[in-house]
Amino acid sequence: MKVKGLKWLLVIALLSVITACGNENVQQNNQTGTNGEGDKEKTLRKIQLVLDYTPNTNHTGLYVARDKGYFAEQGLEVEIISPVQGGADAAVASNNVEFGISYQENVTVARVAGVPVVSLAAVIQHNTSGFASKKDKGIDSPSKFEGMRYGGWGSPIETSIIDSLMRTDNADFDKLEIVNMGDSDFFTAVERDVDFAWIFYAWTGIEAELRGVDLNMVYMNEYNENLDYYTPVVVTGEKLVKEEPELVRSFLAAVAKGYQYSIDNPAEAAEVLIAAEPDLNAELVRASQQWLSPKYQDDAPRWGEQKLSVWEGYADWMYSNELLNGELDAEAAFTNEFLPQ
């Protein structure tokens, strides 16, 4: 679950995809199959869900919904597909794929650029990503970033976040060296090339625990509440919301049930993901799932619920840091309408 970051050529890529594909309709194929319990024949509608990254415990509820028959109970056969060029936002906005997994930052940039993507649910209630370093480096606050080497991917958003955190902690951003580490493995990079990097604790942090590597974590949302944004989120296109609201409702009913199962049964949910994706490190999946399951819903009244204040706060932060070309209509960027009550 290495953070790949916000690609700042995303807007160009998204808009080119929309232009090329804007007139395409979502292909609606039906297949005769069985329901989740296999006791009677029913027609299942075939749809696709595109992931944001390699399968991991952010996605467990999706696999549970598929493999325990929750989608079938809703009359759906869902194919979970690998990330596509241009990202999930472009795919759903152009109606090439019905649903996807994205991030609030991507949706925000896309919406401001006129891309009709909508967030339907927050997979995790609070931002579990942050800046990780080996404990012996002593980097336990943003002020300790001074004189260190940060390994990133060259995105303006990461430098803005680090600058913001350092200013909050009375530190000088100019005293930080930034190194582009590309796709380097976090553990290799912090041993050889950099002092700290941005990770999702649920995956890389848990892997560090299993390896016996002690980390310091600087969580950005502990220093700025506007950085406690939703990552990841479930997305679709405005066209599908308007034209097929019952499909959206049925899909989210199954997804919510899958995540609720994962909340209530982390050990069993981990085995579902392991069985579905046998190339994953099973020990890591099990440990990650135990850590992450309570955080799916956390303090929200139900899984998936999103707050207007979170969307407004993060967009305001992005705009004030000159990361957006315009202001976000936050109310149009997300909806809780289709979540089960």
Protein backbone atom coordinates (compact mmCIF):
# COMPACT_ATOMS: atom_id res chain seq x y z
CA MET A 1 0.00 0.00 0.00
CA LYS A 2 2.85 2.37 -0.77
CA VAL A 3 1.55 5.90 -1.33
CA LYS A 4 1.79 6.59 -5.01
CA GLY A 5 0.72 10.19 -4.60
CA LEU A 6 -1.37 12.64 -6.51
CA LYS A 7 -0.18 12.68 -10.10
CA TRP A 8 -0.21 16.30 -11.12
CA LEU A 9 -0.56 15.39 -14.74
CA LEU A 10 -3.81 13.74 -13.61
CA VAL A 11 -6.01 16.60 -14.73
CA ILE A 12 -4.70 16.47 -18.30
CA ALA A 13 -5.04 12.70 -18.40
CA LEU A 14 -8.52 12.78 -16.93
CA LEU A 15 -9.79 15.42 -19.31
CA SER A 16 -8.34 13.66 -22.34
CA VAL A 17 -10.04 10.44 -21.34
CA ILE A 18 -13.34 12.24 -20.77
CA THR A 19 -13.10 13.93 -24.17
CA ALA A 20 -12.39 10.65 -25.90
CA CYS A 21 -14.91 8.59 -24.04
CA GLY A 22 -17.59 11.02 -22.93
CA ASN A 23 -20.19 9.67 -25.30
CA GLU A 24 -19.69 6.05 -24.34
CA ASN A 25 -22.27 4.30 -22.22
CA VAL A 26 -21.60 1.81 -19.47
CA GLN A 27 -21.86 -1.62 -21.04
CA GLN A 28 -24.65 -3.53 -19.37
CA ASN A 29 -24.22 -7.27 -19.74
CA ASN A 30 -26.39 -9.82 -18.04
CA GLN A 31 -25.45 -13.33 -17.12
CA THR A 32 -27.58 -16.09 -15.69
CA GLY A 33 -26.09 -17.38 -12.48
CA THR A 34 -27.03 -18.23 -8.93
CA ASN A 35 -27.61 -16.07 -5.91
CA GLY A 36 -25.22 -15.95 -2.96
CA GLU A 37 -26.58 -19.16 -1.44
CA GLY A 38 -26.88 -21.03 -4.72
CA ASP A 39 -30.42 -22.17 -4.05
CA LYS A 40 -32.20 -20.64 -7.02
CA GLU A 41 -31.46 -19.23 -10.42
CA LYS A 42 -31.41 -15.47 -10.90
CA THR A 43 -30.06 -13.07 -13.47
CA LEU A 44 -27.00 -11.19 -12.33
CA ARG A 45 -25.97 -7.91 -13.86
CA LYS A 46 -22.26 -7.83 -14.68
CA ILE A 47 -20.41 -4.68 -13.64
CA GLN A 48 -16.80 -3.71 -12.95
CA LEU A 49 -14.99 -2.13 -10.03
CA VAL A 50 -11.49 -0.75 -10.65
CA LEU A 51 -8.98 -0.63 -7.81
CA ASP A 52 -6.63 2.23 -7.02
CA TYR A 53 -3.62 0.04 -6.32
CA THR A 54 -2.47 -3.51 -5.71
CA PRO A 55 -5.04 -5.44 -3.61
CA ASN A 56 -4.57 -4.87 0.11
CA THR A 57 -6.60 -4.58 3.29
CA ASN A 58 -8.12 -1.27 2.20
CA HIS A 59 -10.06 -3.47 -0.23
CA THR A 60 -11.03 -6.39 2.00
CA GLY A 61 -14.70 -5.46 2.22
CA LEU A 62 -14.96 -5.52 -1.57
CA TYR A 63 -13.61 -9.06 -1.76
CA VAL A 64 -15.87 -10.15 1.09
CA ALA A 65 -18.87 -8.69 -0.73
CA ARG A 66 -17.92 -10.58 -3.87
CA ASP A 67 -16.86 -13.92 -2.42
CA LYS A 68 -19.50 -14.23 0.29
CA GLY A 69 -22.25 -13.55 -2.21
CA TYR A 70 -23.34 -10.12 -1.01
CA PHE A 71 -23.17 -8.69 -4.52
CA ALA A 72 -25.12 -11.65 -5.84
CA GLU A 73 -27.81 -11.01 -3.22
CA GLN A 74 -28.21 -7.59 -4.84
CA GLY A 75 -28.43 -9.10 -8.32
CA LEU A 76 -24.87 -8.15 -9.26
CA GLU A 77 -21.81 -9.95 -10.55
CA VAL A 78 -18.87 -7.67 -9.84
CA GLU A 79 -15.49 -8.03 -11.50
CA ILE A 80 -12.70 -6.43 -9.47
CA ILE A 81 -10.08 -5.18 -11.91
CA SER A 82 -6.55 -3.79 -11.62
CA PRO A 83 -5.82 -0.05 -11.83
CA VAL A 84 -6.24 1.46 -15.27
CA GLN A 85 -4.39 4.19 -17.11
CA GLY A 86 -5.77 7.57 -16.10
CA GLY A 87 -7.04 6.25 -12.78
CA ALA A 88 -10.42 5.27 -11.40
CA ASP A 89 -11.76 8.83 -11.58
CA ALA A 90 -11.38 8.99 -15.35
CA ALA A 91 -12.72 5.47 -15.80
CA VAL A 92 -15.95 6.06 -13.89
CA ALA A 93 -16.49 9.60 -15.16
CA SER A 94 -16.25 8.42 -18.77
CA ASN A 95 -18.62 5.51 -18.04
CA ASN A 96 -16.07 2.86 -19.00
CA VAL A 97 -16.30 1.29 -15.53
CA GLU A 98 -19.21 1.54 -13.13
CA PHE A 99 -17.34 1.95 -9.83
CA GLY A 100 -13.83 2.56 -8.58
CA ILE A 101 -11.57 3.22 -5.62
CA SER A 102 -9.88 6.61 -5.46
CA TYR A 103 -8.78 9.25 -2.93
CA GLN A 104 -10.30 12.50 -1.76
CA GLU A 105 -7.36 14.48 -3.11
CA ASN A 106 -7.79 12.97 -6.58
CA VAL A 107 -11.53 13.55 -6.59
CA THR A 108 -11.00 17.16 -5.48
CA VAL A 109 -8.56 17.91 -8.30
CA ALA A 110 -10.78 16.13 -10.82
CA ARG A 111 -13.95 17.96 -9.76
CA VAL A 112 -12.29 21.36 -9.96
CA ALA A 113 -11.14 20.41 -13.48
CA GLY A 114 -14.73 19.62 -14.47
CA VAL A 115 -14.49 15.82 -14.32
CA PRO A 116 -17.90 14.39 -13.23
CA VAL A 117 -16.74 11.93 -10.57
CA VAL A 118 -18.58 11.51 -7.25
CA SER A 119 -17.44 9.98 -3.96
CA LEU A 120 -20.01 7.51 -2.58
CA ALA A 121 -18.35 6.27 0.61
CA ALA A 122 -15.25 6.66 2.75
CA VAL A 123 -13.49 3.32 3.08
CA ILE A 124 -11.64 4.52 6.21
CA GLN A 125 -12.89 7.34 8.42
CA HIS A 126 -9.57 8.96 9.27
CA ASN A 127 -6.31 9.44 7.42
CA THR A 128 -4.02 6.61 8.51
CA SER A 129 -1.07 7.77 6.42
CA GLY A 130 1.90 9.72 7.65
CA PHE A 131 5.65 10.20 7.53
CA ALA A 132 7.65 7.20 8.72
CA SER A 133 11.28 6.87 9.72
CA LYS A 134 13.42 4.39 11.58
CA LYS A 135 13.19 5.13 15.27
CA ASP A 136 16.92 5.60 15.67
CA LYS A 137 16.70 8.69 13.43
CA GLY A 138 14.74 10.49 16.15
CA ILE A 139 12.26 12.03 13.68
CA ASP A 140 9.25 12.17 15.97
CA SER A 141 7.83 15.57 14.96
CA PRO A 142 7.87 17.88 11.91
CA SER A 143 10.53 20.04 13.55
CA LYS A 144 12.89 17.06 13.28
CA PHE A 145 12.53 17.09 9.48
CA GLU A 146 15.20 19.81 9.38
CA GLY A 147 18.49 18.50 8.02
CA MET A 148 16.89 15.23 6.87
CA ARG A 149 16.32 13.64 3.46
CA TYR A 150 12.71 13.01 2.48
CA GLY A 151 11.98 10.35 -0.14
CA GLY A 152 9.02 11.28 -2.30
CA TRP A 153 7.64 11.05 -5.83
CA GLY A 154 7.93 14.68 -6.93
CA SER A 155 4.39 15.90 -6.34
CA PRO A 156 3.55 19.46 -5.25
CA ILE A 157 1.05 18.11 -2.73
CA GLU A 158 3.66 16.29 -0.66
CA THR A 159 5.97 19.29 -0.50
CA SER A 160 3.03 21.53 0.48
CA ILE A 161 1.99 19.14 3.24
CA ILE A 162 5.52 18.86 4.62
CA ASP A 163 6.02 22.62 4.42
CA SER A 164 2.70 23.17 6.21
CA LEU A 165 3.57 20.71 8.98
CA MET A 166 7.04 22.17 9.45
CA ARG A 167 5.69 25.71 9.70
CA THR A 168 3.15 24.53 12.27
CA ASP A 169 6.04 23.09 14.27
CA ASN A 170 8.25 26.22 13.83
CA ALA A 171 10.68 24.48 11.49
CA ASP A 172 12.37 25.66 8.28
CA PHE A 173 11.30 23.78 5.15
CA ASP A 174 14.39 25.04 3.31
CA LYS A 175 16.54 22.90 5.60
CA LEU A 176 14.94 19.71 4.26
CA GLU A 177 16.43 17.80 1.33
CA ILE A 178 13.90 16.12 -0.96
CA VAL A 179 14.92 13.02 -2.91
CA ASN A 180 12.77 11.44 -5.62
CA MET A 181 12.79 7.75 -4.74
CA GLY A 182 10.33 6.69 -7.45
CA ASP A 183 9.10 3.15 -6.87
CA SER A 184 11.84 2.19 -4.44
CA ASP A 185 10.85 -0.12 -1.62
CA PHE A 186 10.37 1.83 1.62
CA PHE A 187 12.61 -0.44 3.67
CA THR A 188 15.42 -0.35 1.13
CA ALA A 189 15.12 3.41 0.75
CA VAL A 190 15.30 4.24 4.47
CA GLU A 191 18.32 1.99 4.87
CA ARG A 192 20.19 3.43 1.90
CA ASP A 193 18.85 6.65 0.40
CA VAL A 194 16.49 8.66 2.63
CA ASP A 195 15.61 9.35 6.25
CA PHE A 196 11.83 9.28 6.03
CA ALA A 197 8.96 8.71 3.59
CA TRP A 198 5.17 8.84 3.36
CA ILE A 199 3.42 5.52 4.08
CA PHE A 200 0.06 4.01 4.97
CA TYR A 201 0.62 2.53 8.41
CA ALA A 202 -1.98 -0.21 7.88
CA TRP A 203 0.29 -1.86 5.33
CA THR A 204 3.89 -0.64 5.41
CA GLY A 205 3.78 0.18 9.11
CA ILE A 206 2.43 -3.26 9.97
CA GLU A 207 5.04 -4.82 7.70
CA ALA A 208 7.69 -2.96 9.68
CA GLU A 209 6.31 -4.46 12.88
CA LEU A 210 6.53 -7.94 11.40
CA ARG A 211 10.10 -7.28 10.28
CA GLY A 212 11.05 -6.01 13.72
CA VAL A 213 11.80 -2.53 12.38
CA ASP A 214 10.86 0.16 14.92
CA LEU A 215 9.35 3.25 13.32
CA ASN A 216 8.48 6.77 14.33
CA MET A 217 5.27 8.01 12.69
CA VAL A 218 4.34 11.64 12.17
CA TYR A 219 0.64 11.60 11.29
CA MET A 220 -0.33 14.73 9.40
CA ASN A 221 -3.84 14.87 10.88
CA GLU A 222 -2.32 15.30 14.35
CA TYR A 223 -0.93 18.67 13.25
CA ASN A 224 -3.66 19.93 10.92
CA GLU A 225 -7.27 18.75 11.07
CA ASN A 226 -7.77 19.72 7.41
CA LEU A 227 -5.34 16.95 6.49
CA ASP A 228 -7.60 14.33 8.06
CA TYR A 229 -9.13 13.62 4.67
CA TYR A 230 -10.71 10.45 3.28
CA THR A 231 -8.28 8.04 1.69
CA PRO A 232 -9.47 5.90 -0.01
CA VAL A 233 -13.04 6.45 -1.21
CA VAL A 234 -15.53 4.58 -3.40
CA VAL A 235 -16.35 6.55 -6.56
CA THR A 236 -18.65 6.53 -9.55
CA GLY A 237 -19.65 8.92 -12.32
CA GLU A 238 -22.42 11.52 -12.15
CA LYS A 239 -24.15 9.87 -15.10
CA LEU A 240 -24.62 6.60 -13.24
CA VAL A 241 -25.88 8.40 -10.14
CA LYS A 242 -28.50 10.26 -12.16
CA GLU A 243 -29.58 7.50 -14.51
CA GLU A 244 -29.27 4.35 -12.37
CA PRO A 245 -29.62 5.27 -8.71
CA GLU A 246 -30.92 1.81 -7.79
CA LEU A 247 -27.77 0.20 -9.18
CA VAL A 248 -25.67 2.54 -7.05
CA ARG A 249 -27.82 1.76 -4.00
CA SER A 250 -27.61 -2.00 -4.54
CA PHE A 251 -23.87 -1.90 -5.07
CA LEU A 252 -23.25 0.11 -1.90
CA ALA A 253 -25.57 -2.13 0.12
CA ALA A 254 -23.33 -5.09 -0.69
CA VAL A 255 -20.11 -3.15 -0.17
CA ALA A 256 -21.28 -1.85 3.21
CA LYS A 257 -22.20 -5.39 4.24
CA GLY A 258 -18.74 -6.56 3.17
CA TYR A 259 -17.00 -3.93 5.26
CA GLN A 260 -19.28 -4.55 8.23
CA TYR A 261 -18.33 -8.23 8.08
CA SER A 262 -14.68 -7.17 7.97
CA ILE A 263 -15.19 -4.94 11.01
CA ASP A 264 -16.90 -7.71 12.97
CA ASN A 265 -14.72 -10.59 11.76
CA PRO A 266 -11.20 -9.36 10.94
CA ALA A 267 -9.58 -12.80 11.08
CA GLU A 268 -12.15 -14.39 8.77
CA ALA A 269 -12.13 -11.37 6.43
CA ALA A 270 -8.36 -11.62 6.12
CA GLU A 271 -8.70 -15.22 4.95
CA VAL A 272 -11.15 -14.12 2.24
CA LEU A 273 -8.59 -11.65 0.87
CA ILE A 274 -5.77 -14.21 1.11
CA ALA A 275 -7.80 -16.79 -0.77
CA ALA A 276 -8.73 -14.26 -3.46
CA GLU A 277 -5.19 -12.88 -3.85
CA PRO A 278 -2.80 -15.72 -2.95
CA ASP A 279 0.29 -13.76 -4.01
CA LEU A 280 -0.13 -11.44 -1.02
CA ASN A 281 1.91 -12.02 2.13
CA ALA A 282 -0.61 -13.91 4.26
CA GLU A 283 1.02 -12.98 7.57
CA LEU A 284 0.95 -9.32 6.60
CA VAL A 285 -2.69 -9.48 5.50
CA ARG A 286 -3.74 -11.05 8.82
CA ALA A 287 -1.84 -8.54 10.94
CA SER A 288 -2.92 -5.57 8.82
CA GLN A 289 -6.54 -6.61 8.97
CA GLN A 290 -6.52 -6.79 12.76
CA TRP A 291 -5.11 -3.25 12.90
CA LEU A 292 -7.33 -1.75 10.19
CA SER A 293 -10.76 -3.32 10.77
CA PRO A 294 -11.67 -1.03 13.73
CA LYS A 295 -10.68 1.99 11.66
CA TYR A 296 -13.07 1.40 8.76
CA GLN A 297 -16.00 2.93 10.65
CA ASP A 298 -14.21 4.31 13.69
CA ASP A 299 -16.28 7.15 15.21
CA ALA A 300 -18.74 7.50 12.31
CA PRO A 301 -22.42 6.58 12.80
CA ARG A 302 -22.13 4.01 9.98
CA TRP A 303 -19.49 2.68 7.62
CA GLY A 304 -18.84 4.94 4.64
CA GLU A 305 -20.34 8.16 6.00
CA GLN A 306 -18.65 11.35 4.79
CA LYS A 307 -18.75 14.84 6.30
CA LEU A 308 -19.08 18.07 4.38
CA SER A 309 -16.61 19.67 6.78
CA VAL A 310 -13.92 17.16 5.77
CA TRP A 311 -14.41 17.86 2.07
CA GLU A 312 -14.51 21.62 2.60
CA GLY A 313 -11.55 21.65 4.98
CA TYR A 314 -9.20 19.73 2.73
CA ALA A 315 -10.25 21.64 -0.39
CA ASP A 316 -9.72 24.95 1.42
CA TRP A 317 -6.26 23.79 2.47
CA MET A 318 -5.42 22.75 -1.10
CA TYR A 319 -6.70 26.04 -2.51
CA SER A 320 -4.82 28.15 0.03
CA ASN A 321 -1.65 26.23 -0.86
CA GLU A 322 -2.18 26.92 -4.59
CA LEU A 323 -2.80 23.27 -5.38
CA LEU A 324 -6.15 23.92 -7.07
CA ASN A 325 -7.01 26.14 -10.01
CA GLY A 326 -10.39 26.98 -8.52
CA GLU A 327 -12.62 26.40 -5.53
CA LEU A 328 -14.40 23.08 -4.98
CA ASP A 329 -18.17 22.74 -4.79
CA ALA A 330 -17.82 20.30 -1.91
CA GLU A 331 -21.52 19.45 -1.72
CA ALA A 332 -21.42 18.12 -5.29
CA ALA A 333 -18.23 16.11 -4.77
CA PHE A 334 -19.70 13.46 -2.50
CA THR A 335 -22.97 11.95 -1.32
CA ASN A 336 -24.18 9.78 1.55
CA GLU A 337 -27.53 9.24 -0.17
CA PHE A 338 -26.90 5.68 -1.29
CA LEU A 339 -25.44 4.25 1.93
CA PRO A 340 -27.71 1.80 3.72
CA GLN A 341 -29.39 3.27 6.81
